[in-house]
Amino acid sequence: MKIWNTILYNAVRRLQSRIWVKFILFLKYYLKQFFFLGVNSYSQIVSAFRAQGDLKEDQLTILPVLQNVLGISRERHTAEVKRALYDEQLSEIASRLIS
């Protein structure tokens, strides 16, 4: 009887460790997806603000809040702003909206 308990105990431990490994891999995958969704959302918002023309005061207050909520680093923020600033399509849209 004792041998069966040991075998069963070891089998359960192996199964639990496999489940935890799968769970950790699952969690890692979805956290990475969540991060990319946040970066993509921030990029789209910066593009939308740029297409509206020069940044207004309310937009300037929204960006740092979004940056904190979505976990966007200072470097990523700078890169997104530069990308939007030099995007010809966004500049064209902004100039047409202004005039």
N, C-alpha and C. Protein backbone atom coordinates (compact mmCIF):
# COMPACT_ATOMS: atom_id res chain seq x y z
N MET A 1 0.83 -1.19 0.00
CA MET A 1 0.00 0.00 0.00
C MET A 1 0.87 1.25 0.00
N LYS A 2 1.95 1.20 0.77
CA LYS A 2 2.82 2.36 0.87
C LYS A 2 3.48 2.68 -0.47
N ILE A 3 3.83 1.63 -1.22
CA ILE A 3 4.46 1.83 -2.53
C ILE A 3 3.50 2.53 -3.50
N TRP A 4 2.24 2.15 -3.46
CA TRP A 4 1.26 2.79 -4.34
C TRP A 4 1.06 4.25 -3.98
N ASN A 5 1.08 4.55 -2.70
CA ASN A 5 0.98 5.95 -2.29
C ASN A 5 2.16 6.76 -2.80
N THR A 6 3.35 6.19 -2.75
CA THR A 6 4.54 6.87 -3.24
C THR A 6 4.46 7.07 -4.74
N ILE A 7 4.04 6.04 -5.47
CA ILE A 7 3.91 6.15 -6.92
C ILE A 7 2.87 7.21 -7.28
N LEU A 8 1.74 7.15 -6.60
CA LEU A 8 0.68 8.12 -6.85
C LEU A 8 1.15 9.54 -6.51
N TYR A 9 1.83 9.69 -5.40
CA TYR A 9 2.33 11.00 -4.99
C TYR A 9 3.30 11.55 -6.04
N ASN A 10 4.23 10.73 -6.52
CA ASN A 10 5.18 11.17 -7.54
C ASN A 10 4.49 11.52 -8.85
N ALA A 11 3.49 10.74 -9.22
CA ALA A 11 2.75 11.02 -10.45
C ALA A 11 2.02 12.36 -10.35
N VAL A 12 1.42 12.62 -9.22
CA VAL A 12 0.71 13.89 -9.01
C VAL A 12 1.69 15.05 -9.03
N ARG A 13 2.83 14.88 -8.42
CA ARG A 13 3.85 15.96 -8.43
C ARG A 13 4.31 16.27 -9.84
N ARG A 14 4.57 15.24 -10.65
CA ARG A 14 5.00 15.45 -12.03
C ARG A 14 3.91 16.16 -12.84
N LEU A 15 2.68 15.73 -12.62
CA LEU A 15 1.56 16.36 -13.31
C LEU A 15 1.42 17.82 -12.90
N GLN A 16 1.54 18.10 -11.62
CA GLN A 16 1.44 19.48 -11.14
C GLN A 16 2.56 20.34 -11.72
N SER A 17 3.76 19.81 -11.79
CA SER A 17 4.87 20.60 -12.32
C SER A 17 4.64 20.90 -13.80
N ARG A 18 4.10 19.92 -14.56
CA ARG A 18 3.79 20.17 -15.97
C ARG A 18 2.70 21.22 -16.12
N ILE A 19 1.71 21.14 -15.25
CA ILE A 19 0.62 22.12 -15.30
C ILE A 19 1.17 23.52 -15.00
N TRP A 20 2.05 23.63 -14.00
CA TRP A 20 2.62 24.93 -13.68
C TRP A 20 3.46 25.47 -14.82
N VAL A 21 4.22 24.61 -15.47
CA VAL A 21 5.04 25.05 -16.61
C VAL A 21 4.14 25.57 -17.73
N LYS A 22 3.07 24.83 -18.01
CA LYS A 22 2.13 25.27 -19.04
C LYS A 22 1.47 26.59 -18.64
N PHE A 23 1.11 26.70 -17.39
CA PHE A 23 0.49 27.93 -16.90
C PHE A 23 1.44 29.12 -17.03
N ILE A 24 2.69 28.93 -16.67
CA ILE A 24 3.67 30.01 -16.75
C ILE A 24 3.90 30.41 -18.20
N LEU A 25 4.01 29.44 -19.10
CA LEU A 25 4.17 29.75 -20.52
C LEU A 25 2.95 30.48 -21.06
N PHE A 26 1.77 30.04 -20.65
CA PHE A 26 0.52 30.68 -21.05
C PHE A 26 0.49 32.13 -20.56
N LEU A 27 0.85 32.33 -19.31
CA LEU A 27 0.86 33.67 -18.73
C LEU A 27 1.87 34.57 -19.42
N LYS A 28 3.04 34.04 -19.68
CA LYS A 28 4.09 34.80 -20.37
C LYS A 28 3.63 35.24 -21.75
N TYR A 29 2.99 34.34 -22.48
CA TYR A 29 2.50 34.65 -23.83
C TYR A 29 1.47 35.77 -23.78
N TYR A 30 0.51 35.67 -22.88
CA TYR A 30 -0.55 36.67 -22.85
C TYR A 30 -0.10 38.00 -22.27
N LEU A 31 0.86 37.99 -21.37
CA LEU A 31 1.42 39.25 -20.90
C LEU A 31 2.17 39.97 -22.02
N LYS A 32 2.87 39.20 -22.83
CA LYS A 32 3.57 39.79 -23.97
C LYS A 32 2.56 40.38 -24.96
N GLN A 33 1.46 39.65 -25.21
CA GLN A 33 0.42 40.15 -26.10
C GLN A 33 -0.21 41.42 -25.53
N PHE A 34 -0.44 41.44 -24.23
CA PHE A 34 -1.01 42.62 -23.58
C PHE A 34 -0.09 43.82 -23.73
N PHE A 35 1.23 43.60 -23.56
CA PHE A 35 2.20 44.67 -23.72
C PHE A 35 2.17 45.23 -25.14
N PHE A 36 2.14 44.34 -26.14
CA PHE A 36 2.12 44.80 -27.52
C PHE A 36 0.82 45.53 -27.85
N LEU A 37 -0.27 45.11 -27.26
CA LEU A 37 -1.53 45.84 -27.45
C LEU A 37 -1.43 47.25 -26.89
N GLY A 38 -0.79 47.38 -25.74
CA GLY A 38 -0.61 48.70 -25.14
C GLY A 38 0.27 49.60 -26.00
N VAL A 39 1.36 49.05 -26.51
CA VAL A 39 2.26 49.83 -27.37
C VAL A 39 1.54 50.23 -28.65
N ASN A 40 0.80 49.29 -29.23
CA ASN A 40 0.07 49.58 -30.46
C ASN A 40 -1.02 50.64 -30.21
N SER A 41 -1.71 50.54 -29.11
CA SER A 41 -2.74 51.53 -28.77
C SER A 41 -2.13 52.92 -28.61
N TYR A 42 -1.02 52.98 -27.90
CA TYR A 42 -0.35 54.26 -27.70
C TYR A 42 0.10 54.85 -29.03
N SER A 43 0.63 54.02 -29.89
CA SER A 43 1.07 54.46 -31.22
C SER A 43 -0.09 55.03 -32.03
N GLN A 44 -1.23 54.35 -31.98
CA GLN A 44 -2.41 54.81 -32.71
C GLN A 44 -2.94 56.14 -32.17
N ILE A 45 -2.89 56.30 -30.86
CA ILE A 45 -3.36 57.55 -30.25
C ILE A 45 -2.44 58.70 -30.63
N VAL A 46 -1.13 58.47 -30.60
CA VAL A 46 -0.18 59.52 -31.00
C VAL A 46 -0.41 59.88 -32.47
N SER A 47 -0.65 58.90 -33.31
CA SER A 47 -0.93 59.16 -34.73
C SER A 47 -2.21 59.97 -34.90
N ALA A 48 -3.24 59.62 -34.14
CA ALA A 48 -4.50 60.36 -34.23
C ALA A 48 -4.32 61.81 -33.78
N PHE A 49 -3.57 62.02 -32.70
CA PHE A 49 -3.32 63.38 -32.24
C PHE A 49 -2.54 64.16 -33.29
N ARG A 50 -1.57 63.52 -33.92
CA ARG A 50 -0.76 64.20 -34.94
C ARG A 50 -1.61 64.55 -36.16
N ALA A 51 -2.52 63.68 -36.52
CA ALA A 51 -3.38 63.94 -37.68
C ALA A 51 -4.34 65.10 -37.42
N GLN A 52 -4.57 65.41 -36.15
CA GLN A 52 -5.46 66.52 -35.81
C GLN A 52 -4.74 67.86 -35.83
N GLY A 53 -3.44 67.85 -36.07
CA GLY A 53 -2.67 69.09 -36.11
C GLY A 53 -1.76 69.19 -34.91
N ASP A 54 -1.45 70.42 -34.51
CA ASP A 54 -0.58 70.62 -33.35
C ASP A 54 -1.27 70.11 -32.09
N LEU A 55 -0.45 69.66 -31.14
CA LEU A 55 -1.01 69.14 -29.89
C LEU A 55 -1.66 70.26 -29.09
N LYS A 56 -2.82 69.97 -28.60
CA LYS A 56 -3.55 70.92 -27.76
C LYS A 56 -3.28 70.59 -26.29
N GLU A 57 -3.70 71.49 -25.42
CA GLU A 57 -3.40 71.33 -24.00
C GLU A 57 -3.99 70.05 -23.42
N ASP A 58 -5.23 69.74 -23.80
CA ASP A 58 -5.85 68.52 -23.26
C ASP A 58 -5.15 67.25 -23.77
N GLN A 59 -4.66 67.29 -24.99
CA GLN A 59 -3.92 66.15 -25.52
C GLN A 59 -2.59 65.99 -24.79
N LEU A 60 -1.96 67.11 -24.46
CA LEU A 60 -0.70 67.05 -23.72
C LEU A 60 -0.88 66.50 -22.31
N THR A 61 -2.03 66.69 -21.73
CA THR A 61 -2.28 66.13 -20.40
C THR A 61 -2.66 64.65 -20.46
N ILE A 62 -3.26 64.24 -21.58
CA ILE A 62 -3.68 62.84 -21.73
C ILE A 62 -2.48 61.92 -21.97
N LEU A 63 -1.51 62.37 -22.76
CA LEU A 63 -0.39 61.50 -23.13
C LEU A 63 0.40 60.95 -21.94
N PRO A 64 0.79 61.77 -20.95
CA PRO A 64 1.51 61.17 -19.80
C PRO A 64 0.68 60.16 -19.01
N VAL A 65 -0.63 60.41 -18.93
CA VAL A 65 -1.50 59.47 -18.22
C VAL A 65 -1.53 58.14 -18.96
N LEU A 66 -1.71 58.20 -20.28
CA LEU A 66 -1.71 56.98 -21.07
C LEU A 66 -0.36 56.27 -21.01
N GLN A 67 0.69 57.07 -21.00
CA GLN A 67 2.03 56.50 -20.92
C GLN A 67 2.20 55.69 -19.64
N ASN A 68 1.70 56.20 -18.54
CA ASN A 68 1.79 55.49 -17.26
C ASN A 68 0.88 54.26 -17.23
N VAL A 69 -0.35 54.42 -17.70
CA VAL A 69 -1.31 53.32 -17.65
C VAL A 69 -0.87 52.16 -18.54
N LEU A 70 -0.36 52.46 -19.72
CA LEU A 70 0.03 51.42 -20.67
C LEU A 70 1.46 50.95 -20.48
N GLY A 71 2.20 51.58 -19.58
CA GLY A 71 3.57 51.14 -19.30
C GLY A 71 4.54 51.47 -20.43
N ILE A 72 4.37 52.61 -21.05
CA ILE A 72 5.24 53.03 -22.16
C ILE A 72 6.45 53.76 -21.58
N SER A 73 7.63 53.33 -21.98
CA SER A 73 8.86 53.95 -21.47
C SER A 73 9.07 55.32 -22.13
N ARG A 74 9.94 56.11 -21.55
CA ARG A 74 10.26 57.43 -22.09
C ARG A 74 10.85 57.30 -23.50
N GLU A 75 11.72 56.29 -23.69
CA GLU A 75 12.34 56.09 -24.99
C GLU A 75 11.30 55.72 -26.05
N ARG A 76 10.37 54.85 -25.66
CA ARG A 76 9.31 54.45 -26.60
C ARG A 76 8.42 55.63 -26.94
N HIS A 77 8.12 56.45 -25.95
CA HIS A 77 7.31 57.65 -26.18
C HIS A 77 8.01 58.57 -27.18
N THR A 78 9.30 58.81 -26.97
CA THR A 78 10.06 59.67 -27.86
C THR A 78 10.07 59.11 -29.28
N ALA A 79 10.25 57.81 -29.41
CA ALA A 79 10.26 57.18 -30.73
C ALA A 79 8.91 57.31 -31.42
N GLU A 80 7.83 57.15 -30.68
CA GLU A 80 6.49 57.27 -31.27
C GLU A 80 6.19 58.70 -31.72
N VAL A 81 6.61 59.66 -30.90
CA VAL A 81 6.38 61.06 -31.26
C VAL A 81 7.18 61.42 -32.51
N LYS A 82 8.44 60.98 -32.58
CA LYS A 82 9.26 61.25 -33.76
C LYS A 82 8.65 60.59 -35.00
N ARG A 83 8.19 59.36 -34.83
CA ARG A 83 7.58 58.66 -35.96
C ARG A 83 6.36 59.41 -36.48
N ALA A 84 5.52 59.86 -35.57
CA ALA A 84 4.33 60.59 -35.98
C ALA A 84 4.68 61.96 -36.56
N LEU A 85 5.71 62.59 -36.03
CA LEU A 85 6.10 63.91 -36.50
C LEU A 85 6.60 63.87 -37.94
N TYR A 86 7.35 62.83 -38.29
CA TYR A 86 7.94 62.74 -39.62
C TYR A 86 7.11 61.93 -40.61
N ASP A 87 5.94 61.48 -40.21
CA ASP A 87 5.07 60.72 -41.11
C ASP A 87 4.41 61.68 -42.09
N GLU A 88 4.68 61.49 -43.38
CA GLU A 88 4.16 62.41 -44.40
C GLU A 88 2.65 62.35 -44.50
N GLN A 89 2.09 61.15 -44.39
CA GLN A 89 0.64 61.00 -44.48
C GLN A 89 -0.07 61.76 -43.36
N LEU A 90 0.44 61.64 -42.16
CA LEU A 90 -0.17 62.35 -41.03
C LEU A 90 -0.01 63.85 -41.18
N SER A 91 1.13 64.29 -41.70
CA SER A 91 1.33 65.72 -41.94
C SER A 91 0.35 66.24 -42.98
N GLU A 92 0.13 65.45 -44.01
CA GLU A 92 -0.82 65.84 -45.06
C GLU A 92 -2.24 65.95 -44.50
N ILE A 93 -2.63 64.99 -43.70
CA ILE A 93 -3.96 65.03 -43.09
C ILE A 93 -4.10 66.24 -42.20
N ALA A 94 -3.09 66.50 -41.39
CA ALA A 94 -3.14 67.66 -40.49
C ALA A 94 -3.22 68.96 -41.25
N SER A 95 -2.46 69.09 -42.33
CA SER A 95 -2.48 70.34 -43.09
C SER A 95 -3.83 70.53 -43.79
N ARG A 96 -4.44 69.45 -44.22
CA ARG A 96 -5.76 69.58 -44.86
C ARG A 96 -6.85 69.93 -43.84
N LEU A 97 -6.72 69.40 -42.63
CA LEU A 97 -7.71 69.72 -41.60
C LEU A 97 -7.60 71.17 -41.15
N ILE A 98 -6.37 71.67 -41.08
CA ILE A 98 -6.14 73.04 -40.61
C ILE A 98 -6.63 74.06 -41.64
N SER A 99 -6.37 73.82 -42.91
CA SER A 99 -6.76 74.79 -43.95
C SER A 99 -8.16 74.63 -44.43
